[in-house]
Structure formats: C-alpha cells, structure tokens
PDB file of N, CA and C in Angstrom:
ATOM      1  N   MET A   1     -21.232 -32.040  -0.665  1.00  0.00           N
ATOM      2  CA  MET A   1     -20.676 -31.299   0.290  1.00  0.00           C
ATOM      3  C   MET A   1     -21.579 -29.908   0.511  1.00  0.00           C
ATOM      4  N   GLU A   2     -23.158 -30.645   0.546  1.00  0.00           N
ATOM      5  CA  GLU A   2     -24.393 -28.994   0.324  1.00  0.00           C
ATOM      6  C   GLU A   2     -24.258 -28.256   1.300  1.00  0.00           C
ATOM      7  N   GLY A   3     -24.092 -27.089   1.712  1.00  0.00           N
ATOM      8  CA  GLY A   3     -24.429 -26.444   2.875  1.00  0.00           C
ATOM      9  C   GLY A   3     -22.831 -25.833   2.621  1.00  0.00           C
ATOM     10  N   ILE A   4     -22.409 -25.897   2.745  1.00  0.00           N
ATOM     11  CA  ILE A   4     -20.728 -25.556   3.140  1.00  0.00           C
ATOM     12  C   ILE A   4     -20.015 -24.646   2.146  1.00  0.00           C
ATOM     13  N   ALA A   5     -19.889 -23.652   2.488  1.00  0.00           N
ATOM     14  CA  ALA A   5     -19.577 -22.636   1.305  1.00  0.00           C
ATOM     15  C   ALA A   5     -17.681 -22.948   0.850  1.00  0.00           C
ATOM     16  N   TYR A   6     -17.724 -22.696  -0.442  1.00  0.00           N
ATOM     17  CA  TYR A   6     -16.517 -22.698  -0.862  1.00  0.00           C
ATOM     18  C   TYR A   6     -15.187 -22.038  -0.703  1.00  0.00           C
ATOM     19  N   GLN A   7     -15.594 -21.213  -0.115  1.00  0.00           N
ATOM     20  CA  GLN A   7     -14.548 -20.562   0.567  1.00  0.00           C
ATOM     21  C   GLN A   7     -14.305 -20.438   2.179  1.00  0.00           C
ATOM     22  N   ASN A   8     -14.762 -21.937   2.536  1.00  0.00           N
ATOM     23  CA  ASN A   8     -15.194 -22.010   3.983  1.00  0.00           C
ATOM     24  C   ASN A   8     -13.698 -21.522   4.793  1.00  0.00           C
ATOM     25  N   LYS A   9     -12.382 -22.141   4.560  1.00  0.00           N
ATOM     26  CA  LYS A   9     -11.753 -22.003   4.829  1.00  0.00           C
ATOM     27  C   LYS A   9     -10.900 -20.253   4.931  1.00  0.00           C
ATOM     28  N   ASP A  10     -11.365 -19.506   4.112  1.00  0.00           N
ATOM     29  CA  ASP A  10     -11.098 -17.845   4.078  1.00  0.00           C
ATOM     30  C   ASP A  10     -11.865 -17.638   4.993  1.00  0.00           C
ATOM     31  N   ILE A  11     -13.150 -17.924   5.365  1.00  0.00           N
ATOM     32  CA  ILE A  11     -14.001 -17.354   5.955  1.00  0.00           C
ATOM     33  C   ILE A  11     -13.785 -17.523   7.597  1.00  0.00           C
ATOM     34  N   LEU A  12     -13.342 -18.757   7.850  1.00  0.00           N
ATOM     35  CA  LEU A  12     -12.937 -19.529   8.652  1.00  0.00           C
ATOM     36  C   LEU A  12     -11.612 -18.518   9.520  1.00  0.00           C
ATOM     37  N   PHE A  13     -10.841 -18.257   8.990  1.00  0.00           N
ATOM     38  CA  PHE A  13      -9.554 -17.355   9.064  1.00  0.00           C
ATOM     39  C   PHE A  13     -10.064 -16.267   9.493  1.00  0.00           C
ATOM     40  N   LYS A  14     -10.582 -15.355   8.793  1.00  0.00           N
ATOM     41  CA  LYS A  14     -11.369 -14.155   8.900  1.00  0.00           C
ATOM     42  C   LYS A  14     -11.774 -14.046  10.120  1.00  0.00           C
ATOM     43  N   ILE A  15     -12.880 -15.334  10.507  1.00  0.00           N
ATOM     44  CA  ILE A  15     -13.615 -15.275  11.911  1.00  0.00           C
ATOM     45  C   ILE A  15     -11.936 -15.083  12.989  1.00  0.00           C
ATOM     46  N   LEU A  16     -11.325 -16.259  12.674  1.00  0.00           N
ATOM     47  CA  LEU A  16      -9.969 -16.152  13.826  1.00  0.00           C
ATOM     48  C   LEU A  16      -9.438 -15.350  13.729  1.00  0.00           C
ATOM     49  N   GLY A  17      -9.125 -14.493  12.960  1.00  0.00           N
ATOM     50  CA  GLY A  17      -8.760 -13.548  12.732  1.00  0.00           C
ATOM     51  C   GLY A  17      -8.947 -11.908  14.043  1.00  0.00           C
ATOM     52  N   GLN A  18     -10.666 -12.311  14.146  1.00  0.00           N
ATOM     53  CA  GLN A  18     -10.549 -11.122  14.966  1.00  0.00           C
ATOM     54  C   GLN A  18     -10.214 -11.665  16.476  1.00  0.00           C
ATOM     55  N   THR A  19      -9.936 -12.816  17.034  1.00  0.00           N
ATOM     56  CA  THR A  19      -9.574 -13.486  18.142  1.00  0.00           C
ATOM     57  C   THR A  19      -7.999 -13.033  18.207  1.00  0.00           C
ATOM     58  N   TYR A  20      -7.431 -12.899  17.257  1.00  0.00           N
ATOM     59  CA  TYR A  20      -6.036 -12.063  17.475  1.00  0.00           C
ATOM     60  C   TYR A  20      -5.888 -11.224  17.966  1.00  0.00           C
ATOM     61  N   LYS A  21      -6.778 -10.056  18.312  1.00  0.00           N
ATOM     62  CA  LYS A  21      -6.399  -8.878  19.152  1.00  0.00           C
ATOM     63  C   LYS A  21      -5.519  -8.829  20.303  1.00  0.00           C
ATOM     64  N   GLU A  22      -4.492  -8.472  20.316  1.00  0.00           N
ATOM     65  CA  GLU A  22      -3.823  -8.276  21.603  1.00  0.00           C
ATOM     66  C   GLU A  22      -2.451  -9.343  22.051  1.00  0.00           C
ATOM     67  N   LYS A  23      -2.836 -10.700  20.725  1.00  0.00           N
ATOM     68  CA  LYS A  23      -1.708 -11.334  20.992  1.00  0.00           C
ATOM     69  C   LYS A  23      -0.455 -11.232  19.815  1.00  0.00           C
ATOM     70  N   SER A  24       0.028 -11.827  20.133  1.00  0.00           N
ATOM     71  CA  SER A  24       2.153 -11.758  19.384  1.00  0.00           C
ATOM     72  C   SER A  24       1.870 -13.009  18.544  1.00  0.00           C
ATOM     73  N   PHE A  25       2.883 -12.402  17.241  1.00  0.00           N
ATOM     74  CA  PHE A  25       3.114 -13.331  16.613  1.00  0.00           C
ATOM     75  C   PHE A  25       4.472 -14.437  17.296  1.00  0.00           C
ATOM     76  N   ALA A  26       4.611 -14.550  18.276  1.00  0.00           N
ATOM     77  CA  ALA A  26       5.714 -14.761  18.710  1.00  0.00           C
ATOM     78  C   ALA A  26       6.019 -16.481  18.622  1.00  0.00           C
ATOM     79  N   VAL A  27       4.489 -16.787  18.390  1.00  0.00           N
ATOM     80  CA  VAL A  27       4.115 -18.599  18.588  1.00  0.00           C
ATOM     81  C   VAL A  27       4.928 -19.107  17.172  1.00  0.00           C
ATOM     82  N   TYR A  28       4.865 -17.833  16.146  1.00  0.00           N
ATOM     83  CA  TYR A  28       5.315 -18.570  14.946  1.00  0.00           C
ATOM     84  C   TYR A  28       6.653 -18.587  14.851  1.00  0.00           C
ATOM     85  N   GLY A  29       7.584 -17.868  16.132  1.00  0.00           N
ATOM     86  CA  GLY A  29       8.971 -17.571  15.866  1.00  0.00           C
ATOM     87  C   GLY A  29       9.095 -16.128  15.063  1.00  0.00           C
ATOM     88  N   ILE A  30       8.178 -15.265  15.326  1.00  0.00           N
ATOM     89  CA  ILE A  30       7.935 -13.837  14.461  1.00  0.00           C
ATOM     90  C   ILE A  30       8.448 -12.788  15.528  1.00  0.00           C
ATOM     91  N   ASP A  31       9.094 -11.895  15.811  1.00  0.00           N
ATOM     92  CA  ASP A  31       9.404 -10.757  16.801  1.00  0.00           C
ATOM     93  C   ASP A  31       8.821  -9.400  15.876  1.00  0.00           C
ATOM     94  N   LEU A  32       7.584  -9.544  16.695  1.00  0.00           N
ATOM     95  CA  LEU A  32       6.822  -8.353  16.162  1.00  0.00           C
ATOM     96  C   LEU A  32       6.021  -7.720  17.172  1.00  0.00           C
ATOM     97  N   PRO A  33       5.690  -6.356  17.508  1.00  0.00           N
ATOM     98  CA  PRO A  33       4.752  -6.024  18.636  1.00  0.00           C
ATOM     99  C   PRO A  33       3.527  -6.753  18.399  1.00  0.00           C
ATOM    100  N   ARG A  34       2.802  -6.851  19.767  1.00  0.00           N
ATOM    101  CA  ARG A  34       1.562  -7.544  19.322  1.00  0.00           C
ATOM    102  C   ARG A  34       0.352  -6.701  18.722  1.00  0.00           C
ATOM    103  N   ILE A  35      -0.629  -7.324  18.543  1.00  0.00           N
ATOM    104  CA  ILE A  35      -1.637  -7.044  17.455  1.00  0.00           C
ATOM    105  C   ILE A  35      -2.608  -6.085  18.247  1.00  0.00           C
ATOM    106  N   GLN A  36      -2.774  -5.061  17.555  1.00  0.00           N
ATOM    107  CA  GLN A  36      -3.037  -3.709  18.402  1.00  0.00           C
ATOM    108  C   GLN A  36      -5.086  -3.838  17.694  1.00  0.00           C
ATOM    109  N   ALA A  37      -5.367  -4.320  16.452  1.00  0.00           N
ATOM    110  CA  ALA A  37      -6.289  -4.387  16.063  1.00  0.00           C
ATOM    111  C   ALA A  37      -6.718  -5.145  14.768  1.00  0.00           C
ATOM    112  N   LEU A  38      -7.788  -5.603  14.388  1.00  0.00           N
ATOM    113  CA  LEU A  38      -7.746  -6.318  12.547  1.00  0.00           C
ATOM    114  C   LEU A  38      -8.650  -5.432  11.948  1.00  0.00           C
ATOM    115  N   LEU A  39      -7.955  -5.047  10.653  1.00  0.00           N
ATOM    116  CA  LEU A  39      -8.213  -3.868  10.191  1.00  0.00           C
ATOM    117  C   LEU A  39      -8.758  -4.647   8.740  1.00  0.00           C
ATOM    118  N   PRO A  40      -9.688  -3.821   8.047  1.00  0.00           N
ATOM    119  CA  PRO A  40     -10.526  -4.300   6.993  1.00  0.00           C
ATOM    120  C   PRO A  40      -9.314  -4.926   5.822  1.00  0.00           C
ATOM    121  N   THR A  41      -9.935  -5.984   5.135  1.00  0.00           N
ATOM    122  CA  THR A  41      -8.820  -6.470   4.493  1.00  0.00           C
ATOM    123  C   THR A  41      -9.346  -6.169   2.829  1.00  0.00           C
ATOM    124  N   ASP A  42     -10.331  -5.733   2.945  1.00  0.00           N
ATOM    125  CA  ASP A  42     -11.185  -5.477   1.321  1.00  0.00           C
ATOM    126  C   ASP A  42     -10.429  -4.276   0.830  1.00  0.00           C
ATOM    127  N   LEU A  43      -9.759  -4.271   0.535  1.00  0.00           N
ATOM    128  CA  LEU A  43      -8.759  -2.568   0.058  1.00  0.00           C
ATOM    129  C   LEU A  43      -9.216  -2.723  -1.458  1.00  0.00           C
ATOM    130  N   PRO A  44      -9.288  -1.136  -1.970  1.00  0.00           N
ATOM    131  CA  PRO A  44      -9.539  -1.093  -3.260  1.00  0.00           C
ATOM    132  C   PRO A  44      -8.205  -1.540  -4.066  1.00  0.00           C
ATOM    133  N   LYS A  45      -8.131  -1.939  -5.215  1.00  0.00           N
ATOM    134  CA  LYS A  45      -7.394  -2.142  -6.510  1.00  0.00           C
ATOM    135  C   LYS A  45      -6.943  -0.863  -7.123  1.00  0.00           C
ATOM    136  N   ILE A  46      -6.059  -0.184  -6.917  1.00  0.00           N
ATOM    137  CA  ILE A  46      -5.345   0.864  -7.563  1.00  0.00           C
ATOM    138  C   ILE A  46      -4.923   1.183  -8.892  1.00  0.00           C
ATOM    139  N   SER A  47      -5.549   1.088  -9.882  1.00  0.00           N
ATOM    140  CA  SER A  47      -4.630   0.491 -11.308  1.00  0.00           C
ATOM    141  C   SER A  47      -4.458   2.566 -12.101  1.00  0.00           C
ATOM    142  N   ALA A  48      -3.423   2.379 -12.789  1.00  0.00           N
ATOM    143  CA  ALA A  48      -3.052   3.375 -13.821  1.00  0.00           C
ATOM    144  C   ALA A  48      -2.355   2.767 -14.904  1.00  0.00           C
ATOM    145  N   ASN A  49      -3.019   3.461 -15.594  1.00  0.00           N
ATOM    146  CA  ASN A  49      -2.477   3.049 -17.255  1.00  0.00           C
ATOM    147  C   ASN A  49      -0.960   3.746 -17.451  1.00  0.00           C
ATOM    148  N   GLU A  50      -0.793   4.909 -17.357  1.00  0.00           N
ATOM    149  CA  GLU A  50       0.376   5.919 -16.915  1.00  0.00           C
ATOM    150  C   GLU A  50       1.201   5.108 -16.352  1.00  0.00           C
ATOM    151  N   LYS A  51       2.492   4.986 -16.708  1.00  0.00           N
ATOM    152  CA  LYS A  51       3.484   3.916 -16.579  1.00  0.00           C
ATOM    153  C   LYS A  51       4.670   5.371 -15.749  1.00  0.00           C
ATOM    154  N   SER A  52       4.965   6.689 -16.724  1.00  0.00           N
ATOM    155  CA  SER A  52       5.709   7.139 -15.735  1.00  0.00           C
ATOM    156  C   SER A  52       5.441   9.207 -15.946  1.00  0.00           C
ATOM    157  N   VAL A  53       5.742   9.647 -14.709  1.00  0.00           N
ATOM    158  CA  VAL A  53       5.480  10.856 -14.881  1.00  0.00           C
ATOM    159  C   VAL A  53       6.017  11.572 -15.754  1.00  0.00           C
ATOM    160  N   ASP A  54       5.633  12.845 -16.169  1.00  0.00           N
ATOM    161  CA  ASP A  54       6.022  13.401 -17.367  1.00  0.00           C
ATOM    162  C   ASP A  54       7.184  14.325 -16.651  1.00  0.00           C
ATOM    163  N   ASN A  55       7.630  15.017 -15.842  1.00  0.00           N
ATOM    164  CA  ASN A  55       8.651  15.536 -15.144  1.00  0.00           C
ATOM    165  C   ASN A  55       8.508  15.599 -13.336  1.00  0.00           C
ATOM    166  N   LEU A  56      10.239  15.181 -13.325  1.00  0.00           N
ATOM    167  CA  LEU A  56      10.138  15.016 -11.689  1.00  0.00           C
ATOM    168  C   LEU A  56      11.170  15.780 -11.280  1.00  0.00           C
ATOM    169  N   PHE A  57      11.081  16.533 -10.446  1.00  0.00           N
ATOM    170  CA  PHE A  57      12.502  17.634  -9.979  1.00  0.00           C
ATOM    171  C   PHE A  57      12.324  17.544  -8.541  1.00  0.00           C
ATOM    172  N   LEU A  58      14.083  17.447  -8.135  1.00  0.00           N
ATOM    173  CA  LEU A  58      14.286  17.387  -6.840  1.00  0.00           C
ATOM    174  C   LEU A  58      14.254  18.942  -6.720  1.00  0.00           C
ATOM    175  N   LEU A  59      14.253  19.248  -5.623  1.00  0.00           N
ATOM    176  CA  LEU A  59      13.792  20.691  -5.315  1.00  0.00           C
ATOM    177  C   LEU A  59      15.491  20.818  -3.987  1.00  0.00           C
ATOM    178  N   GLU A  60      15.603  22.108  -3.959  1.00  0.00           N
ATOM    179  CA  GLU A  60      16.818  22.595  -3.152  1.00  0.00           C
ATOM    180  C   GLU A  60      16.404  21.914  -1.822  1.00  0.00           C
ATOM    181  N   ASP A  61      15.631  22.129  -1.382  1.00  0.00           N
ATOM    182  CA  ASP A  61      15.003  21.908  -0.042  1.00  0.00           C
ATOM    183  C   ASP A  61      14.956  20.219   0.552  1.00  0.00           C
ATOM    184  N   GLY A  62      15.276  19.646  -0.655  1.00  0.00           N
ATOM    185  CA  GLY A  62      15.280  18.428  -0.708  1.00  0.00           C
ATOM    186  C   GLY A  62      13.853  17.582  -0.969  1.00  0.00           C
ATOM    187  N   THR A  63      13.076  18.217  -1.244  1.00  0.00           N
ATOM    188  CA  THR A  63      11.519  17.890  -1.552  1.00  0.00           C
ATOM    189  C   THR A  63      11.767  17.892  -3.245  1.00  0.00           C
ATOM    190  N   TYR A  64      10.239  17.066  -3.258  1.00  0.00           N
ATOM    191  CA  TYR A  64      10.162  16.505  -4.604  1.00  0.00           C
ATOM    192  C   TYR A  64       8.957  17.126  -5.361  1.00  0.00           C
ATOM    193  N   ALA A  65       9.069  17.588  -6.613  1.00  0.00           N
ATOM    194  CA  ALA A  65       7.916  18.543  -7.532  1.00  0.00           C
ATOM    195  C   ALA A  65       7.567  17.287  -8.952  1.00  0.00           C
ATOM    196  N   ILE A  66       6.565  17.071  -9.276  1.00  0.00           N
ATOM    197  CA  ILE A  66       5.466  15.936  -9.635  1.00  0.00           C
ATOM    198  C   ILE A  66       5.185  16.978 -10.608  1.00  0.00           C
ATOM    199  N   VAL A  67       5.610  16.626 -12.023  1.00  0.00           N
ATOM    200  CA  VAL A  67       4.951  17.468 -12.867  1.00  0.00           C
ATOM    201  C   VAL A  67       4.271  16.957 -14.159  1.00  0.00           C
ATOM    202  N   ASP A  68       2.989  16.970 -14.273  1.00  0.00           N
ATOM    203  CA  ASP A  68       2.331  15.742 -15.366  1.00  0.00           C
ATOM    204  C   ASP A  68       1.485  16.709 -16.246  1.00  0.00           C
ATOM    205  N   TYR A  69       1.751  16.517 -17.537  1.00  0.00           N
ATOM    206  CA  TYR A  69       0.790  17.397 -18.576  1.00  0.00           C
ATOM    207  C   TYR A  69      -0.516  16.676 -18.928  1.00  0.00           C
ATOM    208  N   GLU A  70      -1.379  17.575 -18.710  1.00  0.00           N
ATOM    209  CA  GLU A  70      -2.534  16.955 -19.497  1.00  0.00           C
ATOM    210  C   GLU A  70      -3.250  17.593 -20.309  1.00  0.00           C
ATOM    211  N   SER A  71      -3.960  17.271 -21.212  1.00  0.00           N
ATOM    212  CA  SER A  71      -4.560  17.937 -22.274  1.00  0.00           C
ATOM    213  C   SER A  71      -6.306  18.251 -21.761  1.00  0.00           C
ATOM    214  N   VAL A  72      -6.596  17.407 -21.035  1.00  0.00           N
ATOM    215  CA  VAL A  72      -8.081  17.476 -19.841  1.00  0.00           C
ATOM    216  C   VAL A  72      -7.859  16.834 -19.115  1.00  0.00           C
ATOM    217  N   TYR A  73      -8.768  17.692 -18.161  1.00  0.00           N
ATOM    218  CA  TYR A  73      -8.552  17.071 -16.215  1.00  0.00           C
ATOM    219  C   TYR A  73     -10.024  16.380 -16.477  1.00  0.00           C
ATOM    220  N   LYS A  74      -9.497  15.403 -15.512  1.00  0.00           N
ATOM    221  CA  LYS A  74     -10.153  14.254 -15.420  1.00  0.00           C
ATOM    222  C   LYS A  74     -10.231  13.749 -13.739  1.00  0.00           C
ATOM    223  N   ARG A  75     -11.220  13.944 -13.074  1.00  0.00           N
ATOM    224  CA  ARG A  75     -11.270  13.637 -11.982  1.00  0.00           C
ATOM    225  C   ARG A  75     -10.664  12.346 -11.388  1.00  0.00           C
ATOM    226  N   ILE A  76     -10.755  11.364 -12.928  1.00  0.00           N
ATOM    227  CA  ILE A  76      -9.643   9.949 -12.136  1.00  0.00           C
ATOM    228  C   ILE A  76      -8.443  10.133 -12.652  1.00  0.00           C
ATOM    229  N   SER A  77      -7.707  11.313 -12.739  1.00  0.00           N
ATOM    230  CA  SER A  77      -6.570  11.161 -12.704  1.00  0.00           C
ATOM    231  C   SER A  77      -5.775  11.220 -11.389  1.00  0.00           C
ATOM    232  N   LYS A  78      -6.783  11.819 -10.416  1.00  0.00           N
ATOM    233  CA  LYS A  78      -6.264  11.858  -8.891  1.00  0.00           C
ATOM    234  C   LYS A  78      -5.638  10.634  -8.836  1.00  0.00           C
ATOM    235  N   ILE A  79      -6.256   9.225  -9.229  1.00  0.00           N
ATOM    236  CA  ILE A  79      -5.784   7.863  -8.552  1.00  0.00           C
ATOM    237  C   ILE A  79      -4.342   8.144  -9.452  1.00  0.00           C
ATOM    238  N   LYS A  80      -3.874   8.501 -10.372  1.00  0.00           N
ATOM    239  CA  LYS A  80      -2.664   8.163 -11.373  1.00  0.00           C
ATOM    240  C   LYS A  80      -1.877   9.183 -10.142  1.00  0.00           C
ATOM    241  N   TYR A  81      -2.239  10.401 -10.305  1.00  0.00           N
ATOM    242  CA  TYR A  81      -1.387  11.278  -9.149  1.00  0.00           C
ATOM    243  C   TYR A  81      -1.025  10.689  -7.772  1.00  0.00           C
ATOM    244  N   LEU A  82      -1.872   9.908  -7.230  1.00  0.00           N
ATOM    245  CA  LEU A  82      -1.583   9.507  -5.715  1.00  0.00           C
ATOM    246  C   LEU A  82      -0.182   8.413  -6.279  1.00  0.00           C
ATOM    247  N   ASN A  83      -0.629   7.477  -6.991  1.00  0.00           N
ATOM    248  CA  ASN A  83       0.423   6.401  -7.968  1.00  0.00           C
ATOM    249  C   ASN A  83       1.628   7.033  -7.572  1.00  0.00           C
ATOM    250  N   TYR A  84       1.585   7.977  -8.336  1.00  0.00           N
ATOM    251  CA  TYR A  84       2.738   8.595  -8.875  1.00  0.00           C
ATOM    252  C   TYR A  84       3.617   9.271  -7.063  1.00  0.00           C
ATOM    253  N   ILE A  85       2.843   9.877  -6.215  1.00  0.00           N
ATOM    254  CA  ILE A  85       3.510  10.295  -4.865  1.00  0.00           C
ATOM    255  C   ILE A  85       3.951   8.819  -4.428  1.00  0.00           C
ATOM    256  N   ALA A  86       3.331   8.078  -4.288  1.00  0.00           N
ATOM    257  CA  ALA A  86       3.785   6.739  -3.571  1.00  0.00           C
ATOM    258  C   ALA A  86       4.807   6.259  -4.521  1.00  0.00           C
ATOM    259  N   ARG A  87       5.053   6.086  -5.540  1.00  0.00           N
ATOM    260  CA  ARG A  87       6.272   5.492  -6.292  1.00  0.00           C
ATOM    261  C   ARG A  87       7.414   6.798  -6.233  1.00  0.00           C
ATOM    262  N   VAL A  88       7.225   7.741  -5.630  1.00  0.00           N
ATOM    263  CA  VAL A  88       8.297   8.767  -5.858  1.00  0.00           C
ATOM    264  C   VAL A  88       8.853   8.841  -4.135  1.00  0.00           C
ATOM    265  N   LYS A  89       7.518   8.725  -3.493  1.00  0.00           N
ATOM    266  CA  LYS A  89       8.374   8.230  -2.233  1.00  0.00           C
ATOM    267  C   LYS A  89       9.243   6.738  -1.895  1.00  0.00           C
ATOM    268  N   ALA A  90       8.605   6.112  -2.653  1.00  0.00           N
ATOM    269  CA  ALA A  90       9.531   4.760  -2.963  1.00  0.00           C
ATOM    270  C   ALA A  90      10.665   4.980  -3.166  1.00  0.00           C
ATOM    271  N   PHE A  91      11.061   5.687  -4.412  1.00  0.00           N
ATOM    272  CA  PHE A  91      11.822   6.155  -5.003  1.00  0.00           C
ATOM    273  C   PHE A  91      13.004   6.563  -4.089  1.00  0.00           C
ATOM    274  N   ALA A  92      12.666   7.887  -3.460  1.00  0.00           N
ATOM    275  CA  ALA A  92      13.149   9.104  -2.042  1.00  0.00           C
ATOM    276  C   ALA A  92      13.808   7.942  -0.963  1.00  0.00           C
ATOM    277  N   ASN A  93      12.657   7.042  -0.812  1.00  0.00           N
ATOM    278  CA  ASN A  93      13.387   5.986   0.837  1.00  0.00           C
ATOM    279  C   ASN A  93      14.948   5.105   0.097  1.00  0.00           C
ATOM    280  N   VAL A  94      14.578   4.796  -1.115  1.00  0.00           N
ATOM    281  CA  VAL A  94      15.522   3.676  -1.599  1.00  0.00           C
ATOM    282  C   VAL A  94      16.660   4.464  -1.814  1.00  0.00           C
ATOM    283  N   GLN A  95      16.888   5.935  -2.314  1.00  0.00           N
ATOM    284  CA  GLN A  95      17.658   6.991  -2.231  1.00  0.00           C
ATOM    285  C   GLN A  95      18.782   7.129  -1.127  1.00  0.00           C
ATOM    286  N   THR A  96      17.532   7.405  -0.138  1.00  0.00           N
ATOM    287  CA  THR A  96      17.902   7.628   1.126  1.00  0.00           C
ATOM    288  C   THR A  96      18.813   6.177   2.035  1.00  0.00           C
ATOM    289  N   LEU A  97      18.438   5.043   1.633  1.00  0.00           N
ATOM    290  CA  LEU A  97      18.957   4.075   1.500  1.00  0.00           C
ATOM    291  C   LEU A  97      20.728   4.087   1.513  1.00  0.00           C
ATOM    292  N   LYS A  98      20.516   4.425   0.159  1.00  0.00           N
ATOM    293  CA  LYS A  98      21.759   4.164  -0.722  1.00  0.00           C
ATOM    294  C   LYS A  98      22.581   4.830  -0.298  1.00  0.00           C
ATOM    295  N   ASN A  99      22.261   6.371  -0.084  1.00  0.00           N
ATOM    296  CA  ASN A  99      23.294   7.396   0.575  1.00  0.00           C
ATOM    297  C   ASN A  99      23.726   6.879   2.147  1.00  0.00           C
ATOM    298  N   ILE A 100      22.976   6.118   2.904  1.00  0.00           N
ATOM    299  CA  ILE A 100      23.148   5.476   4.013  1.00  0.00           C
ATOM    300  C   ILE A 100      24.353   4.334   4.266  1.00  0.00           C
ATOM    301  N   ILE A 101      24.372   3.719   3.132  1.00  0.00           N
ATOM    302  CA  ILE A 101      24.838   2.331   3.206  1.00  0.00           C
ATOM    303  C   ILE A 101      26.638   2.610   2.661  1.00  0.00           C
TER     304      ILE A 101
END
C-alpha cells in the first residue's frame, strides 16, 4: 500500500475531530455539554524523578505549604514543583470528598 500513511486512521480521526465543533456526544449516549472547540492534543509529557515532597503543611486558613529543600537551584526543578502542586491539589480534593461523604 504505497502512498497511504501508516497512521492513516489517526490522521483521519484528527481531521474528523475538526468537524465536531458545536456537536454533542449524545449520539454515543453520553450526556455532556456540546463541544465548544477542538483543542491541541500534542501535550508535553511532564515527568519528575522526585516522588515525594520534603514537607507538606496544612495551614490554619485551609491552604497548603509545600517545602522542598534543594542544595542547588535548577530551573528544571520548577516542573517538579508544578507536579507537587498538582498532586497536593488532587490530595486536597480527595480529602474534601471524604469529609462530605
């Protein structure tokens, strides 16, 4: 099959995705609001080697303080810190749900 891209189905679905604007997932039996826009899917993969924050504090006002000790500042560590923030936010949401239930 010369001339047909190996990823032909992916390419086709990406092109078809552009036609979904203002459509609904109702045809699939999924009750969601209508589609407003097709967003880019080439999202960067974020990874960090550090698995745990050094200290996590719950403050009196209900907010969290993340403390991480570094011997050398590296700009790339900001990705690790963003990962910590996302994980703390997810943790906080789970704790909130546990308190509601």
